[in-house]
Structure formats: structure tokens, C-alpha cells
């Protein structure tokens, strides 16, 4: 897996706290979106980080994304972090 994009993680409670990490970004498939969320109104993105990061509530910003993302789900293991985010068009 290539971590060839850079993302900024912005904490929801402290918007001036920004952390940058290399990431792998993909858009979730339509079938998988329906299975997990029950509908396909929003097409979520999966952002994988190569290191464990404690980040549960906030936003993802990247030049590689068409818009900012709001984190809806996060999973951290001892080696990687996986974040699922949906489009966010508000102000950061």
C-alpha cells in the first residue's frame, strides 16, 4: 500500500491544532457504502495512516481531496490508523 498523499488532521475541539501525516486515500465503493451506511447519499472516503494515531473527532484536509472530510469512524491498531470520512463543506 502506498502512502503517497499528505493529509492534515484537524481536531474538532481545537481547530488550531493541525497534524500532518502521509496517507493512502480511496473512495469507498457503492456496494460497500450501502452495506455499511444503509444508503448512498454520501460517498465516504477511507483514509489510512501508516502509524497509530489517536484521532476520533475532527476533520481531514488534503490537496488530494475534492473537499474536506468530517471523520465519522476511526479504527486504530498497533500499526495503522483507518479513518472514514464524509464530505464536509463547512468552515474549518
PDB file of N, CA and C in Angstrom:
ATOM      1  N   UNK A   1       0.847  -1.168   0.000  1.00  0.00           N
ATOM      2  CA  UNK A   1       0.000   0.000   0.000  1.00  0.00           C
ATOM      3  C   UNK A   1       0.903   1.246   0.000  1.00  0.00           C
ATOM      4  N   UNK A   2       0.558   2.193  -0.857  1.00  0.00           N
ATOM      5  CA  UNK A   2       1.360   3.411  -0.948  1.00  0.00           C
ATOM      6  C   UNK A   2       0.725   4.526  -0.129  1.00  0.00           C
ATOM      7  N   UNK A   3       1.523   5.169   0.662  1.00  0.00           N
ATOM      8  CA  UNK A   3       1.089   6.332   1.443  1.00  0.00           C
ATOM      9  C   UNK A   3       1.678   7.567   0.754  1.00  0.00           C
ATOM     10  N   UNK A   4       1.116   7.888  -0.417  1.00  0.00           N
ATOM     11  CA  UNK A   4       1.715   8.909  -1.266  1.00  0.00           C
ATOM     12  C   UNK A   4       1.020  10.270  -1.205  1.00  0.00           C
ATOM     13  N   UNK A   5       0.014  10.423  -0.368  1.00  0.00           N
ATOM     14  CA  UNK A   5      -0.684  11.705  -0.212  1.00  0.00           C
ATOM     15  C   UNK A   5      -0.421  12.232   1.197  1.00  0.00           C
ATOM     16  N   UNK A   6      -0.508  13.527   1.363  1.00  0.00           N
ATOM     17  CA  UNK A   6      -0.371  14.142   2.693  1.00  0.00           C
ATOM     18  C   UNK A   6      -1.738  14.639   3.135  1.00  0.00           C
ATOM     19  N   UNK A   7      -2.081  14.358   4.398  1.00  0.00           N
ATOM     20  CA  UNK A   7      -3.344  14.832   4.961  1.00  0.00           C
ATOM     21  C   UNK A   7      -3.057  15.622   6.231  1.00  0.00           C
ATOM     22  N   UNK A   8      -3.927  16.577   6.505  1.00  0.00           N
ATOM     23  CA  UNK A   8      -3.888  17.333   7.752  1.00  0.00           C
ATOM     24  C   UNK A   8      -5.088  16.899   8.581  1.00  0.00           C
ATOM     25  N   UNK A   9      -4.841  16.490   9.809  1.00  0.00           N
ATOM     26  CA  UNK A   9      -5.915  16.131  10.728  1.00  0.00           C
ATOM     27  C   UNK A   9      -6.163  17.314  11.651  1.00  0.00           C
ATOM     28  N   UNK A  10      -7.406  17.782  11.665  1.00  0.00           N
ATOM     29  CA  UNK A  10      -7.781  18.964  12.443  1.00  0.00           C
ATOM     30  C   UNK A  10      -8.742  18.531  13.541  1.00  0.00           C
ATOM     31  N   UNK A  11      -8.356  18.734  14.779  1.00  0.00           N
ATOM     32  CA  UNK A  11      -9.186  18.354  15.919  1.00  0.00           C
ATOM     33  C   UNK A  11     -10.418  19.245  15.980  1.00  0.00           C
ATOM     34  N   UNK A  12     -11.577  18.639  16.214  1.00  0.00           N
ATOM     35  CA  UNK A  12     -12.845  19.381  16.220  1.00  0.00           C
ATOM     36  C   UNK A  12     -12.914  20.378  17.374  1.00  0.00           C
ATOM     37  N   UNK A  13     -12.328  20.027  18.514  1.00  0.00           N
ATOM     38  CA  UNK A  13     -12.377  20.906  19.687  1.00  0.00           C
ATOM     39  C   UNK A  13     -11.296  21.975  19.674  1.00  0.00           C
ATOM     40  N   UNK A  14     -10.191  21.693  18.990  1.00  0.00           N
ATOM     41  CA  UNK A  14      -9.080  22.641  18.906  1.00  0.00           C
ATOM     42  C   UNK A  14      -8.698  22.807  17.438  1.00  0.00           C
ATOM     43  N   UNK A  15      -9.418  23.660  16.731  1.00  0.00           N
ATOM     44  CA  UNK A  15      -9.212  23.778  15.288  1.00  0.00           C
ATOM     45  C   UNK A  15      -7.847  24.352  14.926  1.00  0.00           C
ATOM     46  N   UNK A  16      -7.143  24.939  15.882  1.00  0.00           N
ATOM     47  CA  UNK A  16      -5.795  25.436  15.587  1.00  0.00           C
ATOM     48  C   UNK A  16      -4.748  24.342  15.747  1.00  0.00           C
ATOM     49  N   UNK A  17      -5.143  23.162  16.210  1.00  0.00           N
ATOM     50  CA  UNK A  17      -4.231  22.029  16.353  1.00  0.00           C
ATOM     51  C   UNK A  17      -4.315  21.172  15.097  1.00  0.00           C
ATOM     52  N   UNK A  18      -3.265  21.229  14.271  1.00  0.00           N
ATOM     53  CA  UNK A  18      -3.234  20.511  12.996  1.00  0.00           C
ATOM     54  C   UNK A  18      -2.015  19.594  12.980  1.00  0.00           C
ATOM     55  N   UNK A  19      -2.226  18.334  12.588  1.00  0.00           N
ATOM     56  CA  UNK A  19      -1.139  17.366  12.464  1.00  0.00           C
ATOM     57  C   UNK A  19      -1.127  16.836  11.037  1.00  0.00           C
ATOM     58  N   UNK A  20       0.059  16.729  10.439  1.00  0.00           N
ATOM     59  CA  UNK A  20       0.180  16.244   9.054  1.00  0.00           C
ATOM     60  C   UNK A  20       0.790  14.852   9.033  1.00  0.00           C
ATOM     61  N   UNK A  21       0.237  13.993   8.163  1.00  0.00           N
ATOM     62  CA  UNK A  21       0.698  12.613   8.041  1.00  0.00           C
ATOM     63  C   UNK A  21       0.638  12.172   6.584  1.00  0.00           C
ATOM     64  N   UNK A  22       1.509  11.228   6.184  1.00  0.00           N
ATOM     65  CA  UNK A  22       1.337  10.600   4.876  1.00  0.00           C
ATOM     66  C   UNK A  22       0.132   9.658   4.953  1.00  0.00           C
ATOM     67  N   UNK A  23      -0.576   9.502   3.830  1.00  0.00           N
ATOM     68  CA  UNK A  23      -1.806   8.704   3.868  1.00  0.00           C
ATOM     69  C   UNK A  23      -2.076   8.033   2.532  1.00  0.00           C
ATOM     70  N   UNK A  24      -2.920   7.010   2.618  1.00  0.00           N
ATOM     71  CA  UNK A  24      -3.490   6.347   1.450  1.00  0.00           C
ATOM     72  C   UNK A  24      -4.967   6.708   1.456  1.00  0.00           C
ATOM     73  N   UNK A  25      -5.461   7.304   0.372  1.00  0.00           N
ATOM     74  CA  UNK A  25      -6.840   7.781   0.314  1.00  0.00           C
ATOM     75  C   UNK A  25      -7.568   7.079  -0.827  1.00  0.00           C
ATOM     76  N   UNK A  26      -8.736   6.481  -0.498  1.00  0.00           N
ATOM     77  CA  UNK A  26      -9.581   5.886  -1.533  1.00  0.00           C
ATOM     78  C   UNK A  26     -11.029   6.244  -1.240  1.00  0.00           C
ATOM     79  N   UNK A  27     -11.832   6.258  -2.287  1.00  0.00           N
ATOM     80  CA  UNK A  27     -13.261   6.477  -2.097  1.00  0.00           C
ATOM     81  C   UNK A  27     -13.933   5.119  -1.966  1.00  0.00           C
ATOM     82  N   UNK A  28     -14.803   4.993  -0.968  1.00  0.00           N
ATOM     83  CA  UNK A  28     -15.475   3.721  -0.706  1.00  0.00           C
ATOM     84  C   UNK A  28     -16.413   3.390  -1.861  1.00  0.00           C
ATOM     85  N   UNK A  29     -16.469   2.126  -2.236  1.00  0.00           N
ATOM     86  CA  UNK A  29     -17.320   1.678  -3.327  1.00  0.00           C
ATOM     87  C   UNK A  29     -18.798   1.782  -2.991  1.00  0.00           C
ATOM     88  N   UNK A  30     -19.620   1.812  -4.012  1.00  0.00           N
ATOM     89  CA  UNK A  30     -21.059   1.979  -3.842  1.00  0.00           C
ATOM     90  C   UNK A  30     -21.686   0.837  -3.044  1.00  0.00           C
ATOM     91  N   UNK A  31     -21.341  -0.408  -3.374  1.00  0.00           N
ATOM     92  CA  UNK A  31     -21.900  -1.557  -2.648  1.00  0.00           C
ATOM     93  C   UNK A  31     -21.503  -1.534  -1.173  1.00  0.00           C
ATOM     94  N   UNK A  32     -20.246  -1.243  -0.921  1.00  0.00           N
ATOM     95  CA  UNK A  32     -19.756  -1.197   0.451  1.00  0.00           C
ATOM     96  C   UNK A  32     -20.405  -0.048   1.224  1.00  0.00           C
ATOM     97  N   UNK A  33     -20.620   1.080   0.571  1.00  0.00           N
ATOM     98  CA  UNK A  33     -21.276   2.222   1.208  1.00  0.00           C
ATOM     99  C   UNK A  33     -22.694   1.864   1.633  1.00  0.00           C
ATOM    100  N   UNK A  34     -23.439   1.195   0.765  1.00  0.00           N
ATOM    101  CA  UNK A  34     -24.814   0.797   1.081  1.00  0.00           C
ATOM    102  C   UNK A  34     -24.827  -0.221   2.221  1.00  0.00           C
ATOM    103  N   UNK A  35     -23.896  -1.171   2.208  1.00  0.00           N
ATOM    104  CA  UNK A  35     -23.846  -2.180   3.270  1.00  0.00           C
ATOM    105  C   UNK A  35     -23.542  -1.573   4.630  1.00  0.00           C
ATOM    106  N   UNK A  36     -22.662  -0.591   4.687  1.00  0.00           N
ATOM    107  CA  UNK A  36     -22.255  -0.008   5.968  1.00  0.00           C
ATOM    108  C   UNK A  36     -23.200   1.083   6.436  1.00  0.00           C
ATOM    109  N   UNK A  37     -23.589   1.999   5.531  1.00  0.00           N
ATOM    110  CA  UNK A  37     -24.375   3.163   5.926  1.00  0.00           C
ATOM    111  C   UNK A  37     -25.863   3.047   5.613  1.00  0.00           C
ATOM    112  N   UNK A  38     -26.245   2.066   4.812  1.00  0.00           N
ATOM    113  CA  UNK A  38     -27.658   1.870   4.507  1.00  0.00           C
ATOM    114  C   UNK A  38     -28.160   2.653   3.314  1.00  0.00           C
ATOM    115  N   UNK A  39     -27.415   3.619   2.843  1.00  0.00           N
ATOM    116  CA  UNK A  39     -27.783   4.372   1.643  1.00  0.00           C
ATOM    117  C   UNK A  39     -26.512   4.893   0.989  1.00  0.00           C
ATOM    118  N   UNK A  40     -26.687   5.504  -0.164  1.00  0.00           N
ATOM    119  CA  UNK A  40     -25.524   6.000  -0.902  1.00  0.00           C
ATOM    120  C   UNK A  40     -25.630   7.499  -1.128  1.00  0.00           C
ATOM    121  N   UNK A  41     -26.232   8.222  -0.185  1.00  0.00           N
ATOM    122  CA  UNK A  41     -26.362   9.668  -0.341  1.00  0.00           C
ATOM    123  C   UNK A  41     -24.997  10.346  -0.327  1.00  0.00           C
ATOM    124  N   UNK A  42     -24.123   9.874   0.538  1.00  0.00           N
ATOM    125  CA  UNK A  42     -22.771  10.412   0.590  1.00  0.00           C
ATOM    126  C   UNK A  42     -21.800   9.280   0.298  1.00  0.00           C
ATOM    127  N   UNK A  43     -20.802   9.565  -0.489  1.00  0.00           N
ATOM    128  CA  UNK A  43     -19.770   8.572  -0.792  1.00  0.00           C
ATOM    129  C   UNK A  43     -18.579   8.832   0.129  1.00  0.00           C
ATOM    130  N   UNK A  44     -18.417   8.027   1.161  1.00  0.00           N
ATOM    131  CA  UNK A  44     -17.329   8.256   2.104  1.00  0.00           C
ATOM    132  C   UNK A  44     -15.965   7.897   1.525  1.00  0.00           C
ATOM    133  N   UNK A  45     -14.942   8.465   2.131  1.00  0.00           N
ATOM    134  CA  UNK A  45     -13.559   8.188   1.786  1.00  0.00           C
ATOM    135  C   UNK A  45     -12.926   7.405   2.926  1.00  0.00           C
ATOM    136  N   UNK A  46     -12.009   6.512   2.581  1.00  0.00           N
ATOM    137  CA  UNK A  46     -11.232   5.774   3.570  1.00  0.00           C
ATOM    138  C   UNK A  46      -9.819   6.337   3.523  1.00  0.00           C
ATOM    139  N   UNK A  47      -9.337   6.799   4.672  1.00  0.00           N
ATOM    140  CA  UNK A  47      -8.001   7.384   4.788  1.00  0.00           C
ATOM    141  C   UNK A  47      -7.204   6.496   5.729  1.00  0.00           C
ATOM    142  N   UNK A  48      -6.128   5.906   5.219  1.00  0.00           N
ATOM    143  CA  UNK A  48      -5.280   5.036   6.035  1.00  0.00           C
ATOM    144  C   UNK A  48      -3.959   5.739   6.317  1.00  0.00           C
ATOM    145  N   UNK A  49      -3.559   5.702   7.580  1.00  0.00           N
ATOM    146  CA  UNK A  49      -2.291   6.285   8.013  1.00  0.00           C
ATOM    147  C   UNK A  49      -1.339   5.158   8.399  1.00  0.00           C
ATOM    148  N   UNK A  50      -0.046   5.272   8.093  1.00  0.00           N
ATOM    149  CA  UNK A  50       0.884   4.163   8.351  1.00  0.00           C
ATOM    150  C   UNK A  50       1.296   4.019   9.814  1.00  0.00           C
ATOM    151  N   UNK A  51       0.806   4.878  10.678  1.00  0.00           N
ATOM    152  CA  UNK A  51       1.164   4.826  12.097  1.00  0.00           C
ATOM    153  C   UNK A  51      -0.099   4.921  12.949  1.00  0.00           C
ATOM    154  N   UNK A  52      -0.059   4.427  14.175  1.00  0.00           N
ATOM    155  CA  UNK A  52      -1.225   4.584  15.048  1.00  0.00           C
ATOM    156  C   UNK A  52      -1.360   6.028  15.516  1.00  0.00           C
ATOM    157  N   UNK A  53      -2.543   6.596  15.353  1.00  0.00           N
ATOM    158  CA  UNK A  53      -2.826   7.976  15.746  1.00  0.00           C
ATOM    159  C   UNK A  53      -4.147   7.983  16.502  1.00  0.00           C
ATOM    160  N   UNK A  54      -4.167   8.567  17.669  1.00  0.00           N
ATOM    161  CA  UNK A  54      -5.415   8.693  18.430  1.00  0.00           C
ATOM    162  C   UNK A  54      -6.168   9.903  17.913  1.00  0.00           C
ATOM    163  N   UNK A  55      -7.102   9.669  17.008  1.00  0.00           N
ATOM    164  CA  UNK A  55      -7.878  10.743  16.391  1.00  0.00           C
ATOM    165  C   UNK A  55      -9.272  10.220  16.140  1.00  0.00           C
ATOM    166  N   UNK A  56     -10.252  10.741  16.828  1.00  0.00           N
ATOM    167  CA  UNK A  56     -11.604  10.214  16.709  1.00  0.00           C
ATOM    168  C   UNK A  56     -12.621  11.241  16.234  1.00  0.00           C
ATOM    169  N   UNK A  57     -12.352  12.500  16.472  1.00  0.00           N
ATOM    170  CA  UNK A  57     -13.377  13.514  16.264  1.00  0.00           C
ATOM    171  C   UNK A  57     -12.762  14.748  15.615  1.00  0.00           C
ATOM    172  N   UNK A  58     -12.983  14.918  14.319  1.00  0.00           N
ATOM    173  CA  UNK A  58     -12.407  16.076  13.669  1.00  0.00           C
ATOM    174  C   UNK A  58     -12.576  16.044  12.164  1.00  0.00           C
ATOM    175  N   UNK A  59     -11.633  16.710  11.506  1.00  0.00           N
ATOM    176  CA  UNK A  59     -11.718  16.899  10.062  1.00  0.00           C
ATOM    177  C   UNK A  59     -10.418  16.479   9.394  1.00  0.00           C
ATOM    178  N   UNK A  60     -10.535  16.122   8.116  1.00  0.00           N
ATOM    179  CA  UNK A  60      -9.381  15.762   7.298  1.00  0.00           C
ATOM    180  C   UNK A  60      -9.323  16.737   6.138  1.00  0.00           C
ATOM    181  N   UNK A  61      -8.155  17.304   5.934  1.00  0.00           N
ATOM    182  CA  UNK A  61      -7.949  18.253   4.848  1.00  0.00           C
ATOM    183  C   UNK A  61      -6.751  17.784   4.030  1.00  0.00           C
ATOM    184  N   UNK A  62      -6.890  17.809   2.694  1.00  0.00           N
ATOM    185  CA  UNK A  62      -5.795  17.405   1.821  1.00  0.00           C
ATOM    186  C   UNK A  62      -5.981  18.030   0.448  1.00  0.00           C
ATOM    187  N   UNK A  63      -4.873  18.339  -0.195  1.00  0.00           N
ATOM    188  CA  UNK A  63      -4.927  18.843  -1.570  1.00  0.00           C
ATOM    189  C   UNK A  63      -5.366  17.751  -2.536  1.00  0.00           C
ATOM    190  N   UNK A  64      -5.259  16.495  -2.130  1.00  0.00           N
ATOM    191  CA  UNK A  64      -5.632  15.360  -2.972  1.00  0.00           C
ATOM    192  C   UNK A  64      -7.127  15.059  -2.937  1.00  0.00           C
ATOM    193  N   UNK A  65      -7.870  15.724  -2.086  1.00  0.00           N
ATOM    194  CA  UNK A  65      -9.307  15.500  -1.957  1.00  0.00           C
ATOM    195  C   UNK A  65     -10.085  16.642  -2.601  1.00  0.00           C
ATOM    196  N   UNK A  66     -11.258  16.355  -3.179  1.00  0.00           N
ATOM    197  CA  UNK A  66     -12.060  17.426  -3.778  1.00  0.00           C
ATOM    198  C   UNK A  66     -12.694  18.347  -2.735  1.00  0.00           C
ATOM    199  N   UNK A  67     -12.799  17.890  -1.487  1.00  0.00           N
ATOM    200  CA  UNK A  67     -13.376  18.707  -0.414  1.00  0.00           C
ATOM    201  C   UNK A  67     -12.805  18.226   0.913  1.00  0.00           C
ATOM    202  N   UNK A  68     -13.106  18.931   1.985  1.00  0.00           N
ATOM    203  CA  UNK A  68     -12.697  18.492   3.314  1.00  0.00           C
ATOM    204  C   UNK A  68     -13.602  17.359   3.764  1.00  0.00           C
ATOM    205  N   UNK A  69     -13.121  16.553   4.701  1.00  0.00           N
ATOM    206  CA  UNK A  69     -13.890  15.421   5.209  1.00  0.00           C
ATOM    207  C   UNK A  69     -14.117  15.569   6.703  1.00  0.00           C
ATOM    208  N   UNK A  70     -15.280  15.105   7.161  1.00  0.00           N
ATOM    209  CA  UNK A  70     -15.551  15.010   8.587  1.00  0.00           C
ATOM    210  C   UNK A  70     -15.453  13.539   8.969  1.00  0.00           C
ATOM    211  N   UNK A  71     -14.674  13.242   9.994  1.00  0.00           N
ATOM    212  CA  UNK A  71     -14.458  11.858  10.406  1.00  0.00           C
ATOM    213  C   UNK A  71     -15.722  11.308  11.052  1.00  0.00           C
ATOM    214  N   UNK A  72     -16.206  10.172  10.530  1.00  0.00           N
ATOM    215  CA  UNK A  72     -17.385   9.524  11.100  1.00  0.00           C
ATOM    216  C   UNK A  72     -17.029   8.242  11.832  1.00  0.00           C
ATOM    217  N   UNK A  73     -15.877   7.671  11.518  1.00  0.00           N
ATOM    218  CA  UNK A  73     -15.457   6.428  12.143  1.00  0.00           C
ATOM    219  C   UNK A  73     -13.934   6.373  12.147  1.00  0.00           C
ATOM    220  N   UNK A  74     -13.379   5.803  13.220  1.00  0.00           N
ATOM    221  CA  UNK A  74     -11.921   5.674  13.316  1.00  0.00           C
ATOM    222  C   UNK A  74     -11.577   4.339  13.954  1.00  0.00           C
ATOM    223  N   UNK A  75     -10.538   3.717  13.439  1.00  0.00           N
ATOM    224  CA  UNK A  75     -10.053   2.455  13.998  1.00  0.00           C
ATOM    225  C   UNK A  75      -8.532   2.518  14.037  1.00  0.00           C
ATOM    226  N   UNK A  76      -7.972   2.236  15.203  1.00  0.00           N
ATOM    227  CA  UNK A  76      -6.526   2.267  15.374  1.00  0.00           C
ATOM    228  C   UNK A  76      -6.041   0.913  15.866  1.00  0.00           C
ATOM    229  N   UNK A  77      -5.014   0.384  15.211  1.00  0.00           N
ATOM    230  CA  UNK A  77      -4.364  -0.838  15.669  1.00  0.00           C
ATOM    231  C   UNK A  77      -2.965  -0.464  16.143  1.00  0.00           C
ATOM    232  N   UNK A  78      -2.161  -1.460  16.457  1.00  0.00           N
ATOM    233  CA  UNK A  78      -0.803  -1.168  16.898  1.00  0.00           C
ATOM    234  C   UNK A  78       0.105  -0.726  15.759  1.00  0.00           C
ATOM    235  N   UNK A  79      -0.365  -0.849  14.497  1.00  0.00           N
ATOM    236  CA  UNK A  79       0.465  -0.470  13.354  1.00  0.00           C
ATOM    237  C   UNK A  79      -0.111   0.622  12.465  1.00  0.00           C
ATOM    238  N   UNK A  80      -1.433   0.682  12.312  1.00  0.00           N
ATOM    239  CA  UNK A  80      -2.033   1.645  11.388  1.00  0.00           C
ATOM    240  C   UNK A  80      -3.274   2.298  11.989  1.00  0.00           C
ATOM    241  N   UNK A  81      -3.726   3.352  11.320  1.00  0.00           N
ATOM    242  CA  UNK A  81      -4.982   4.024  11.664  1.00  0.00           C
ATOM    243  C   UNK A  81      -5.830   4.098  10.409  1.00  0.00           C
ATOM    244  N   UNK A  82      -7.108   3.766  10.536  1.00  0.00           N
ATOM    245  CA  UNK A  82      -8.048   3.872   9.422  1.00  0.00           C
ATOM    246  C   UNK A  82      -9.153   4.832   9.817  1.00  0.00           C
ATOM    247  N   UNK A  83      -9.355   5.865   9.004  1.00  0.00           N
ATOM    248  CA  UNK A  83     -10.397   6.857   9.243  1.00  0.00           C
ATOM    249  C   UNK A  83     -11.391   6.816   8.094  1.00  0.00           C
ATOM    250  N   UNK A  84     -12.669   6.906   8.406  1.00  0.00           N
ATOM    251  CA  UNK A  84     -13.699   7.018   7.379  1.00  0.00           C
ATOM    252  C   UNK A  84     -14.305   8.399   7.508  1.00  0.00           C
ATOM    253  N   UNK A  85     -14.321   9.131   6.414  1.00  0.00           N
ATOM    254  CA  UNK A  85     -14.823  10.496   6.432  1.00  0.00           C
ATOM    255  C   UNK A  85     -15.809  10.755   5.316  1.00  0.00           C
ATOM    256  N   UNK A  86     -16.761  11.642   5.597  1.00  0.00           N
ATOM    257  CA  UNK A  86     -17.737  12.056   4.592  1.00  0.00           C
ATOM    258  C   UNK A  86     -17.489  13.530   4.263  1.00  0.00           C
ATOM    259  N   UNK A  87     -17.996  13.965   3.116  1.00  0.00           N
ATOM    260  CA  UNK A  87     -17.778  15.340   2.658  1.00  0.00           C
ATOM    261  C   UNK A  87     -18.263  16.343   3.684  1.00  0.00           C
ATOM    262  N   UNK A  88     -17.443  17.373   3.893  1.00  0.00           N
ATOM    263  CA  UNK A  88     -17.780  18.446   4.822  1.00  0.00           C
ATOM    264  C   UNK A  88     -17.546  19.756   4.087  1.00  0.00           C
ATOM    265  N   UNK A  89     -18.587  20.563   3.970  1.00  0.00           N
ATOM    266  CA  UNK A  89     -18.483  21.815   3.218  1.00  0.00           C
ATOM    267  C   UNK A  89     -18.536  23.045   4.116  1.00  0.00           C
ATOM    268  N   UNK A  90     -18.422  22.846   5.422  1.00  0.00           N
ATOM    269  CA  UNK A  90     -18.423  23.972   6.351  1.00  0.00           C
ATOM    270  C   UNK A  90     -17.058  24.619   6.449  1.00  0.00           C
ATOM    271  N   UNK A  91     -16.966  25.563   7.313  1.00  0.00           N
ATOM    272  CA  UNK A  91     -15.726  26.309   7.504  1.00  0.00           C
ATOM    273  C   UNK A  91     -14.852  25.630   8.550  1.00  0.00           C
ATOM    274  N   UNK A  92     -13.562  25.547   8.271  1.00  0.00           N
ATOM    275  CA  UNK A  92     -12.609  24.948   9.226  1.00  0.00           C
ATOM    276  C   UNK A  92     -11.885  26.040   9.980  1.00  0.00           C
TER     277      UNK A  92
END
